Amino acid sequence: MHIHGYNFHVLAQDFGIYNPILDKAKYNLVNPQISTTVPVPPGGWAAIRFQANNPGAWFVHCHVDDHNVWGLTTVFLVENGPTPSTSLLPPPADLPKC
């Protein structure tokens, strides 16, 4: 899986169905790998962590093209944050209308 617009920490990956009680023990919270893409094992799961501080509409998708046709895509809508560095600037006054 790949998220546009962000780097993220890969906390854990494994085969099978994610168990929220048992699998949290597998998380690497000390020095997790930083990436823009995470391989998800066949029939498995991956846990990532990132801070959604880059406003906009960001495409999330699988890098296996057939999977995208099957629906392994989504969009994260990230709203403006509380600071100028986490907010989009307004459009210029002379921007043509659609």
PDB file of N, CA and C in Angstrom:
ATOM      1  N   MET A   1       0.857  -1.182   0.000  1.00  0.00           N
ATOM      2  CA  MET A   1       0.000   0.000   0.000  1.00  0.00           C
ATOM      3  C   MET A   1       0.895   1.234   0.000  1.00  0.00           C
ATOM      4  N   HIS A   2       0.398   2.280  -0.614  1.00  0.00           N
ATOM      5  CA  HIS A   2       1.153   3.520  -0.763  1.00  0.00           C
ATOM      6  C   HIS A   2       0.229   4.698  -0.468  1.00  0.00           C
ATOM      7  N   ILE A   3       0.715   5.660   0.302  1.00  0.00           N
ATOM      8  CA  ILE A   3      -0.037   6.878   0.599  1.00  0.00           C
ATOM      9  C   ILE A   3       0.694   8.053  -0.045  1.00  0.00           C
ATOM     10  N   HIS A   4       0.009   8.774  -0.899  1.00  0.00           N
ATOM     11  CA  HIS A   4       0.602   9.978  -1.490  1.00  0.00           C
ATOM     12  C   HIS A   4       0.623  11.092  -0.444  1.00  0.00           C
ATOM     13  N   GLY A   5       1.670  11.916  -0.479  1.00  0.00           N
ATOM     14  CA  GLY A   5       1.736  13.087   0.374  1.00  0.00           C
ATOM     15  C   GLY A   5       2.275  12.863   1.776  1.00  0.00           C
ATOM     16  N   TYR A   6       2.611  11.615   2.110  1.00  0.00           N
ATOM     17  CA  TYR A   6       3.049  11.330   3.478  1.00  0.00           C
ATOM     18  C   TYR A   6       4.135  10.270   3.521  1.00  0.00           C
ATOM     19  N   ASN A   7       4.989  10.382   4.509  1.00  0.00           N
ATOM     20  CA  ASN A   7       5.818   9.273   4.983  1.00  0.00           C
ATOM     21  C   ASN A   7       5.122   8.730   6.214  1.00  0.00           C
ATOM     22  N   PHE A   8       5.337   7.469   6.525  1.00  0.00           N
ATOM     23  CA  PHE A   8       4.712   6.893   7.708  1.00  0.00           C
ATOM     24  C   PHE A   8       5.648   5.884   8.352  1.00  0.00           C
ATOM     25  N   HIS A   9       5.351   5.548   9.595  1.00  0.00           N
ATOM     26  CA  HIS A   9       6.097   4.529  10.332  1.00  0.00           C
ATOM     27  C   HIS A   9       5.389   3.190  10.168  1.00  0.00           C
ATOM     28  N   VAL A  10       6.143   2.166   9.816  1.00  0.00           N
ATOM     29  CA  VAL A  10       5.595   0.806   9.720  1.00  0.00           C
ATOM     30  C   VAL A  10       5.793   0.165  11.092  1.00  0.00           C
ATOM     31  N   LEU A  11       4.697  -0.051  11.811  1.00  0.00           N
ATOM     32  CA  LEU A  11       4.780  -0.587  13.170  1.00  0.00           C
ATOM     33  C   LEU A  11       4.845  -2.105  13.188  1.00  0.00           C
ATOM     34  N   ALA A  12       4.110  -2.760  12.290  1.00  0.00           N
ATOM     35  CA  ALA A  12       4.088  -4.226  12.280  1.00  0.00           C
ATOM     36  C   ALA A  12       3.422  -4.725  11.014  1.00  0.00           C
ATOM     37  N   GLN A  13       3.712  -5.979  10.662  1.00  0.00           N
ATOM     38  CA  GLN A  13       3.083  -6.676   9.542  1.00  0.00           C
ATOM     39  C   GLN A  13       3.007  -8.146   9.928  1.00  0.00           C
ATOM     40  N   ASP A  14       1.959  -8.833   9.424  1.00  0.00           N
ATOM     41  CA  ASP A  14       1.866 -10.265   9.701  1.00  0.00           C
ATOM     42  C   ASP A  14       0.822 -10.892   8.782  1.00  0.00           C
ATOM     43  N   PHE A  15       0.816 -12.208   8.760  1.00  0.00           N
ATOM     44  CA  PHE A  15      -0.167 -12.973   8.002  1.00  0.00           C
ATOM     45  C   PHE A  15      -1.403 -13.193   8.865  1.00  0.00           C
ATOM     46  N   GLY A  16      -2.520 -13.492   8.231  1.00  0.00           N
ATOM     47  CA  GLY A  16      -3.739 -13.821   8.955  1.00  0.00           C
ATOM     48  C   GLY A  16      -4.548 -12.595   9.313  1.00  0.00           C
ATOM     49  N   ILE A  17      -5.552 -12.830  10.117  1.00  0.00           N
ATOM     50  CA  ILE A  17      -6.471 -11.775  10.538  1.00  0.00           C
ATOM     51  C   ILE A  17      -5.876 -11.045  11.739  1.00  0.00           C
ATOM     52  N   TYR A  18      -5.918  -9.714  11.696  1.00  0.00           N
ATOM     53  CA  TYR A  18      -5.382  -8.901  12.781  1.00  0.00           C
ATOM     54  C   TYR A  18      -6.177  -9.136  14.057  1.00  0.00           C
ATOM     55  N   ASN A  19      -5.465  -9.388  15.140  1.00  0.00           N
ATOM     56  CA  ASN A  19      -6.079  -9.557  16.460  1.00  0.00           C
ATOM     57  C   ASN A  19      -5.654  -8.362  17.312  1.00  0.00           C
ATOM     58  N   PRO A  20      -6.568  -7.437  17.641  1.00  0.00           N
ATOM     59  CA  PRO A  20      -6.181  -6.216  18.340  1.00  0.00           C
ATOM     60  C   PRO A  20      -5.590  -6.439  19.725  1.00  0.00           C
ATOM     61  N   ILE A  21      -5.819  -7.597  20.322  1.00  0.00           N
ATOM     62  CA  ILE A  21      -5.265  -7.858  21.650  1.00  0.00           C
ATOM     63  C   ILE A  21      -3.884  -8.502  21.544  1.00  0.00           C
ATOM     64  N   LEU A  22      -3.763  -9.553  20.749  1.00  0.00           N
ATOM     65  CA  LEU A  22      -2.491 -10.277  20.654  1.00  0.00           C
ATOM     66  C   LEU A  22      -1.461  -9.580  19.769  1.00  0.00           C
ATOM     67  N   ASP A  23      -1.914  -8.956  18.678  1.00  0.00           N
ATOM     68  CA  ASP A  23      -0.964  -8.426  17.705  1.00  0.00           C
ATOM     69  C   ASP A  23      -0.323  -7.111  18.119  1.00  0.00           C
ATOM     70  N   LYS A  24      -0.875  -6.400  19.092  1.00  0.00           N
ATOM     71  CA  LYS A  24      -0.229  -5.157  19.543  1.00  0.00           C
ATOM     72  C   LYS A  24       1.145  -5.434  20.147  1.00  0.00           C
ATOM     73  N   ALA A  25       1.363  -6.632  20.637  1.00  0.00           N
ATOM     74  CA  ALA A  25       2.673  -7.000  21.181  1.00  0.00           C
ATOM     75  C   ALA A  25       3.735  -7.051  20.085  1.00  0.00           C
ATOM     76  N   LYS A  26       3.338  -7.150  18.826  1.00  0.00           N
ATOM     77  CA  LYS A  26       4.276  -7.212  17.698  1.00  0.00           C
ATOM     78  C   LYS A  26       4.716  -5.830  17.229  1.00  0.00           C
ATOM     79  N   TYR A  27       4.095  -4.765  17.726  1.00  0.00           N
ATOM     80  CA  TYR A  27       4.410  -3.411  17.270  1.00  0.00           C
ATOM     81  C   TYR A  27       5.835  -3.023  17.655  1.00  0.00           C
ATOM     82  N   ASN A  28       6.539  -2.419  16.713  1.00  0.00           N
ATOM     83  CA  ASN A  28       7.846  -1.825  16.980  1.00  0.00           C
ATOM     84  C   ASN A  28       7.613  -0.337  17.213  1.00  0.00           C
ATOM     85  N   LEU A  29       7.536   0.070  18.465  1.00  0.00           N
ATOM     86  CA  LEU A  29       7.315   1.472  18.813  1.00  0.00           C
ATOM     87  C   LEU A  29       8.605   2.195  19.171  1.00  0.00           C
ATOM     88  N   VAL A  30       9.739   1.473  19.142  1.00  0.00           N
ATOM     89  CA  VAL A  30      11.025   2.053  19.526  1.00  0.00           C
ATOM     90  C   VAL A  30      11.717   2.707  18.331  1.00  0.00           C
ATOM     91  N   ASN A  31      11.882   1.965  17.239  1.00  0.00           N
ATOM     92  CA  ASN A  31      12.553   2.499  16.054  1.00  0.00           C
ATOM     93  C   ASN A  31      11.895   1.960  14.783  1.00  0.00           C
ATOM     94  N   PRO A  32      10.619   2.280  14.553  1.00  0.00           N
ATOM     95  CA  PRO A  32       9.932   1.744  13.381  1.00  0.00           C
ATOM     96  C   PRO A  32      10.499   2.310  12.079  1.00  0.00           C
ATOM     97  N   GLN A  33      10.462   1.489  11.051  1.00  0.00           N
ATOM     98  CA  GLN A  33      10.910   1.888   9.717  1.00  0.00           C
ATOM     99  C   GLN A  33      10.034   3.020   9.202  1.00  0.00           C
ATOM    100  N   ILE A  34      10.640   4.001   8.513  1.00  0.00           N
ATOM    101  CA  ILE A  34       9.892   5.079   7.868  1.00  0.00           C
ATOM    102  C   ILE A  34       9.833   4.766   6.375  1.00  0.00           C
ATOM    103  N   SER A  35       8.647   4.896   5.788  1.00  0.00           N
ATOM    104  CA  SER A  35       8.465   4.533   4.391  1.00  0.00           C
ATOM    105  C   SER A  35       7.317   5.325   3.775  1.00  0.00           C
ATOM    106  N   THR A  36       7.144   5.192   2.459  1.00  0.00           N
ATOM    107  CA  THR A  36       5.971   5.717   1.760  1.00  0.00           C
ATOM    108  C   THR A  36       5.127   4.570   1.220  1.00  0.00           C
ATOM    109  N   THR A  37       5.667   3.363   1.285  1.00  0.00           N
ATOM    110  CA  THR A  37       4.985   2.172   0.786  1.00  0.00           C
ATOM    111  C   THR A  37       5.210   1.043   1.774  1.00  0.00           C
ATOM    112  N   VAL A  38       4.176   0.240   2.027  1.00  0.00           N
ATOM    113  CA  VAL A  38       4.307  -0.897   2.928  1.00  0.00           C
ATOM    114  C   VAL A  38       3.780  -2.143   2.228  1.00  0.00           C
ATOM    115  N   PRO A  39       4.597  -3.204   2.167  1.00  0.00           N
ATOM    116  CA  PRO A  39       4.075  -4.454   1.615  1.00  0.00           C
ATOM    117  C   PRO A  39       3.157  -5.128   2.639  1.00  0.00           C
ATOM    118  N   VAL A  40       1.963  -5.474   2.201  1.00  0.00           N
ATOM    119  CA  VAL A  40       1.011  -6.173   3.058  1.00  0.00           C
ATOM    120  C   VAL A  40       1.047  -7.644   2.651  1.00  0.00           C
ATOM    121  N   PRO A  41       1.345  -8.553   3.588  1.00  0.00           N
ATOM    122  CA  PRO A  41       1.424  -9.970   3.233  1.00  0.00           C
ATOM    123  C   PRO A  41       0.091 -10.481   2.663  1.00  0.00           C
ATOM    124  N   PRO A  42       0.133 -11.462   1.746  1.00  0.00           N
ATOM    125  CA  PRO A  42      -1.110 -12.023   1.212  1.00  0.00           C
ATOM    126  C   PRO A  42      -1.999 -12.546   2.349  1.00  0.00           C
ATOM    127  N   GLY A  43      -3.244 -12.086   2.372  1.00  0.00           N
ATOM    128  CA  GLY A  43      -4.156 -12.501   3.432  1.00  0.00           C
ATOM    129  C   GLY A  43      -3.772 -11.965   4.791  1.00  0.00           C
ATOM    130  N   GLY A  44      -2.941 -10.921   4.823  1.00  0.00           N
ATOM    131  CA  GLY A  44      -2.440 -10.415   6.094  1.00  0.00           C
ATOM    132  C   GLY A  44      -2.785  -8.960   6.325  1.00  0.00           C
ATOM    133  N   TRP A  45      -1.983  -8.319   7.152  1.00  0.00           N
ATOM    134  CA  TRP A  45      -2.256  -6.959   7.580  1.00  0.00           C
ATOM    135  C   TRP A  45      -0.945  -6.212   7.813  1.00  0.00           C
ATOM    136  N   ALA A  46      -1.049  -4.900   7.902  1.00  0.00           N
ATOM    137  CA  ALA A  46       0.077  -4.038   8.260  1.00  0.00           C
ATOM    138  C   ALA A  46      -0.471  -2.910   9.126  1.00  0.00           C
ATOM    139  N   ALA A  47       0.291  -2.515  10.126  1.00  0.00           N
ATOM    140  CA  ALA A  47      -0.083  -1.397  10.996  1.00  0.00           C
ATOM    141  C   ALA A  47       0.914  -0.269  10.764  1.00  0.00           C
ATOM    142  N   ILE A  48       0.390   0.918  10.454  1.00  0.00           N
ATOM    143  CA  ILE A  48       1.244   2.078  10.230  1.00  0.00           C
ATOM    144  C   ILE A  48       0.798   3.212  11.147  1.00  0.00           C
ATOM    145  N   ARG A  49       1.673   4.197  11.283  1.00  0.00           N
ATOM    146  CA  ARG A  49       1.344   5.393  12.066  1.00  0.00           C
ATOM    147  C   ARG A  49       1.906   6.606  11.328  1.00  0.00           C
ATOM    148  N   PHE A  50       1.047   7.622  11.169  1.00  0.00           N
ATOM    149  CA  PHE A  50       1.511   8.873  10.577  1.00  0.00           C
ATOM    150  C   PHE A  50       0.676  10.009  11.120  1.00  0.00           C
ATOM    151  N   GLN A  51       1.204  11.210  10.997  1.00  0.00           N
ATOM    152  CA  GLN A  51       0.491  12.398  11.447  1.00  0.00           C
ATOM    153  C   GLN A  51      -0.106  13.078  10.226  1.00  0.00           C
ATOM    154  N   ALA A  52      -1.424  13.199  10.183  1.00  0.00           N
ATOM    155  CA  ALA A  52      -2.131  13.790   9.040  1.00  0.00           C
ATOM    156  C   ALA A  52      -2.079  15.309   9.157  1.00  0.00           C
ATOM    157  N   ASN A  53      -0.933  15.889   8.765  1.00  0.00           N
ATOM    158  CA  ASN A  53      -0.731  17.326   8.905  1.00  0.00           C
ATOM    159  C   ASN A  53      -0.455  18.010   7.569  1.00  0.00           C
ATOM    160  N   ASN A  54      -0.781  17.335   6.474  1.00  0.00           N
ATOM    161  CA  ASN A  54      -0.570  17.878   5.133  1.00  0.00           C
ATOM    162  C   ASN A  54      -1.944  17.947   4.457  1.00  0.00           C
ATOM    163  N   PRO A  55      -2.625  19.107   4.525  1.00  0.00           N
ATOM    164  CA  PRO A  55      -4.009  19.174   4.056  1.00  0.00           C
ATOM    165  C   PRO A  55      -4.139  18.913   2.558  1.00  0.00           C
ATOM    166  N   GLY A  56      -5.260  18.324   2.220  1.00  0.00           N
ATOM    167  CA  GLY A  56      -5.560  18.026   0.823  1.00  0.00           C
ATOM    168  C   GLY A  56      -6.247  16.685   0.696  1.00  0.00           C
ATOM    169  N   ALA A  57      -6.433  16.252  -0.543  1.00  0.00           N
ATOM    170  CA  ALA A  57      -7.002  14.937  -0.844  1.00  0.00           C
ATOM    171  C   ALA A  57      -5.854  14.047  -1.307  1.00  0.00           C
ATOM    172  N   TRP A  58      -5.571  12.986  -0.554  1.00  0.00           N
ATOM    173  CA  TRP A  58      -4.407  12.143  -0.806  1.00  0.00           C
ATOM    174  C   TRP A  58      -4.832  10.728  -1.159  1.00  0.00           C
ATOM    175  N   PHE A  59      -4.367  10.276  -2.316  1.00  0.00           N
ATOM    176  CA  PHE A  59      -4.690   8.961  -2.852  1.00  0.00           C
ATOM    177  C   PHE A  59      -3.922   7.881  -2.092  1.00  0.00           C
ATOM    178  N   VAL A  60      -4.617   6.823  -1.702  1.00  0.00           N
ATOM    179  CA  VAL A  60      -4.035   5.647  -1.050  1.00  0.00           C
ATOM    180  C   VAL A  60      -4.372   4.458  -1.944  1.00  0.00           C
ATOM    181  N   HIS A  61      -3.353   3.682  -2.331  1.00  0.00           N
ATOM    182  CA  HIS A  61      -3.612   2.605  -3.275  1.00  0.00           C
ATOM    183  C   HIS A  61      -2.589   1.489  -3.156  1.00  0.00           C
ATOM    184  N   CYS A  62      -2.959   0.354  -3.720  1.00  0.00           N
ATOM    185  CA  CYS A  62      -2.055  -0.789  -3.817  1.00  0.00           C
ATOM    186  C   CYS A  62      -1.210  -0.617  -5.077  1.00  0.00           C
ATOM    187  N   HIS A  63       0.029  -1.093  -5.042  1.00  0.00           N
ATOM    188  CA  HIS A  63       0.891  -1.008  -6.216  1.00  0.00           C
ATOM    189  C   HIS A  63       0.716  -2.195  -7.154  1.00  0.00           C
ATOM    190  N   VAL A  64      -0.185  -3.107  -6.852  1.00  0.00           N
ATOM    191  CA  VAL A  64      -0.537  -4.182  -7.782  1.00  0.00           C
ATOM    192  C   VAL A  64      -1.766  -3.697  -8.545  1.00  0.00           C
ATOM    193  N   ASP A  65      -1.601  -3.414  -9.831  1.00  0.00           N
ATOM    194  CA  ASP A  65      -2.665  -2.769 -10.609  1.00  0.00           C
ATOM    195  C   ASP A  65      -3.991  -3.514 -10.556  1.00  0.00           C
ATOM    196  N   ASP A  66      -3.979  -4.845 -10.622  1.00  0.00           N
ATOM    197  CA  ASP A  66      -5.231  -5.603 -10.561  1.00  0.00           C
ATOM    198  C   ASP A  66      -5.994  -5.324  -9.267  1.00  0.00           C
ATOM    199  N   HIS A  67      -5.277  -5.101  -8.188  1.00  0.00           N
ATOM    200  CA  HIS A  67      -5.930  -4.846  -6.902  1.00  0.00           C
ATOM    201  C   HIS A  67      -6.685  -3.518  -6.903  1.00  0.00           C
ATOM    202  N   ASN A  68      -6.187  -2.538  -7.652  1.00  0.00           N
ATOM    203  CA  ASN A  68      -6.875  -1.250  -7.723  1.00  0.00           C
ATOM    204  C   ASN A  68      -8.237  -1.397  -8.390  1.00  0.00           C
ATOM    205  N   VAL A  69      -8.321  -2.220  -9.428  1.00  0.00           N
ATOM    206  CA  VAL A  69      -9.595  -2.464 -10.101  1.00  0.00           C
ATOM    207  C   VAL A  69     -10.565  -3.149  -9.143  1.00  0.00           C
ATOM    208  N   TRP A  70     -10.046  -3.944  -8.226  1.00  0.00           N
ATOM    209  CA  TRP A  70     -10.882  -4.652  -7.248  1.00  0.00           C
ATOM    210  C   TRP A  70     -11.320  -3.750  -6.094  1.00  0.00           C
ATOM    211  N   GLY A  71     -10.794  -2.533  -6.038  1.00  0.00           N
ATOM    212  CA  GLY A  71     -11.237  -1.597  -5.007  1.00  0.00           C
ATOM    213  C   GLY A  71     -10.232  -1.318  -3.910  1.00  0.00           C
ATOM    214  N   LEU A  72      -8.978  -1.734  -4.082  1.00  0.00           N
ATOM    215  CA  LEU A  72      -7.975  -1.476  -3.056  1.00  0.00           C
ATOM    216  C   LEU A  72      -7.409  -0.064  -3.217  1.00  0.00           C
ATOM    217  N   THR A  73      -8.299   0.912  -3.208  1.00  0.00           N
ATOM    218  CA  THR A  73      -7.926   2.322  -3.289  1.00  0.00           C
ATOM    219  C   THR A  73      -8.861   3.112  -2.381  1.00  0.00           C
ATOM    220  N   THR A  74      -8.383   4.247  -1.946  1.00  0.00           N
ATOM    221  CA  THR A  74      -9.217   5.179  -1.198  1.00  0.00           C
ATOM    222  C   THR A  74      -8.554   6.542  -1.249  1.00  0.00           C
ATOM    223  N   VAL A  75      -9.203   7.536  -0.703  1.00  0.00           N
ATOM    224  CA  VAL A  75      -8.646   8.880  -0.611  1.00  0.00           C
ATOM    225  C   VAL A  75      -8.795   9.352   0.829  1.00  0.00           C
ATOM    226  N   PHE A  76      -7.701   9.863   1.405  1.00  0.00           N
ATOM    227  CA  PHE A  76      -7.762  10.510   2.714  1.00  0.00           C
ATOM    228  C   PHE A  76      -8.020  11.989   2.478  1.00  0.00           C
ATOM    229  N   LEU A  77      -9.059  12.531   3.081  1.00  0.00           N
ATOM    230  CA  LEU A  77      -9.316  13.965   3.031  1.00  0.00           C
ATOM    231  C   LEU A  77      -8.801  14.580   4.321  1.00  0.00           C
ATOM    232  N   VAL A  78      -7.748  15.358   4.213  1.00  0.00           N
ATOM    233  CA  VAL A  78      -7.115  15.964   5.385  1.00  0.00           C
ATOM    234  C   VAL A  78      -7.452  17.445   5.404  1.00  0.00           C
ATOM    235  N   GLU A  79      -8.136  17.873   6.458  1.00  0.00           N
ATOM    236  CA  GLU A  79      -8.544  19.265   6.573  1.00  0.00           C
ATOM    237  C   GLU A  79      -7.405  20.133   7.080  1.00  0.00           C
ATOM    238  N   ASN A  80      -7.591  21.447   6.986  1.00  0.00           N
ATOM    239  CA  ASN A  80      -6.590  22.379   7.480  1.00  0.00           C
ATOM    240  C   ASN A  80      -6.342  22.175   8.961  1.00  0.00           C
ATOM    241  N   GLY A  81      -5.100  22.407   9.358  1.00  0.00           N
ATOM    242  CA  GLY A  81      -4.734  22.314  10.761  1.00  0.00           C
ATOM    243  C   GLY A  81      -4.769  23.678  11.423  1.00  0.00           C
ATOM    244  N   PRO A  82      -4.317  23.756  12.676  1.00  0.00           N
ATOM    245  CA  PRO A  82      -4.413  25.003  13.435  1.00  0.00           C
ATOM    246  C   PRO A  82      -3.322  26.032  13.137  1.00  0.00           C
ATOM    247  N   THR A  83      -2.315  25.656  12.364  1.00  0.00           N
ATOM    248  CA  THR A  83      -1.204  26.575  12.111  1.00  0.00           C
ATOM    249  C   THR A  83      -1.094  26.870  10.614  1.00  0.00           C
ATOM    250  N   PRO A  84      -0.426  27.977  10.249  1.00  0.00           N
ATOM    251  CA  PRO A  84      -0.245  28.276   8.819  1.00  0.00           C
ATOM    252  C   PRO A  84       0.491  27.163   8.068  1.00  0.00           C
ATOM    253  N   SER A  85       1.437  26.484   8.717  1.00  0.00           N
ATOM    254  CA  SER A  85       2.185  25.428   8.025  1.00  0.00           C
ATOM    255  C   SER A  85       1.372  24.150   7.847  1.00  0.00           C
ATOM    256  N   THR A  86       0.211  24.049   8.491  1.00  0.00           N
ATOM    257  CA  THR A  86      -0.649  22.876   8.316  1.00  0.00           C
ATOM    258  C   THR A  86      -1.977  23.262   7.666  1.00  0.00           C
ATOM    259  N   SER A  87      -1.980  24.380   6.928  1.00  0.00           N
ATOM    260  CA  SER A  87      -3.201  24.852   6.263  1.00  0.00           C
ATOM    261  C   SER A  87      -2.889  25.216   4.818  1.00  0.00           C
ATOM    262  N   LEU A  88      -3.862  24.979   3.952  1.00  0.00           N
ATOM    263  CA  LEU A  88      -3.731  25.391   2.558  1.00  0.00           C
ATOM    264  C   LEU A  88      -3.983  26.884   2.436  1.00  0.00           C
ATOM    265  N   LEU A  89      -3.251  27.526   1.550  1.00  0.00           N
ATOM    266  CA  LEU A  89      -3.497  28.937   1.266  1.00  0.00           C
ATOM    267  C   LEU A  89      -4.785  29.057   0.471  1.00  0.00           C
ATOM    268  N   PRO A  90      -5.510  30.167   0.591  1.00  0.00           N
ATOM    269  CA  PRO A  90      -6.706  30.353  -0.233  1.00  0.00           C
ATOM    270  C   PRO A  90      -6.290  30.501  -1.698  1.00  0.00           C
ATOM    271  N   PRO A  91      -7.202  30.203  -2.633  1.00  0.00           N
ATOM    272  CA  PRO A  91      -6.858  30.366  -4.045  1.00  0.00           C
ATOM    273  C   PRO A  91      -6.624  31.834  -4.385  1.00  0.00           C
ATOM    274  N   PRO A  92      -5.798  32.099  -5.367  1.00  0.00           N
ATOM    275  CA  PRO A  92      -5.559  33.509  -5.755  1.00  0.00           C
ATOM    276  C   PRO A  92      -6.846  34.146  -6.290  1.00  0.00           C
ATOM    277  N   ALA A  93      -6.971  35.438  -6.098  1.00  0.00           N
ATOM    278  CA  ALA A  93      -8.178  36.156  -6.500  1.00  0.00           C
ATOM    279  C   ALA A  93      -8.423  36.072  -8.012  1.00  0.00           C
ATOM    280  N   ASP A  94      -7.362  35.948  -8.797  1.00  0.00           N
ATOM    281  CA  ASP A  94      -7.526  35.920 -10.260  1.00  0.00           C
ATOM    282  C   ASP A  94      -7.612  34.489 -10.812  1.00  0.00           C
ATOM    283  N   LEU A  95      -7.834  33.503  -9.974  1.00  0.00           N
ATOM    284  CA  LEU A  95      -7.960  32.126 -10.447  1.00  0.00           C
ATOM    285  C   LEU A  95      -9.247  31.979 -11.262  1.00  0.00           C
ATOM    286  N   PRO A  96      -9.137  31.518 -12.513  1.00  0.00           N
ATOM    287  CA  PRO A  96     -10.356  31.367 -13.337  1.00  0.00           C
ATOM    288  C   PRO A  96     -11.301  30.347 -12.732  1.00  0.00           C
ATOM    289  N   LYS A  97     -12.604  30.615 -12.875  1.00  0.00           N
ATOM    290  CA  LYS A  97     -13.630  29.690 -12.390  1.00  0.00           C
ATOM    291  C   LYS A  97     -13.790  28.558 -13.394  1.00  0.00           C
ATOM    292  N   CYS A  98     -14.197  27.398 -12.921  1.00  0.00           N
ATOM    293  CA  CYS A  98     -14.418  26.254 -13.815  1.00  0.00           C
ATOM    294  C   CYS A  98     -15.658  26.452 -14.639  1.00  0.00           C
TER     295      CYS A  98
END
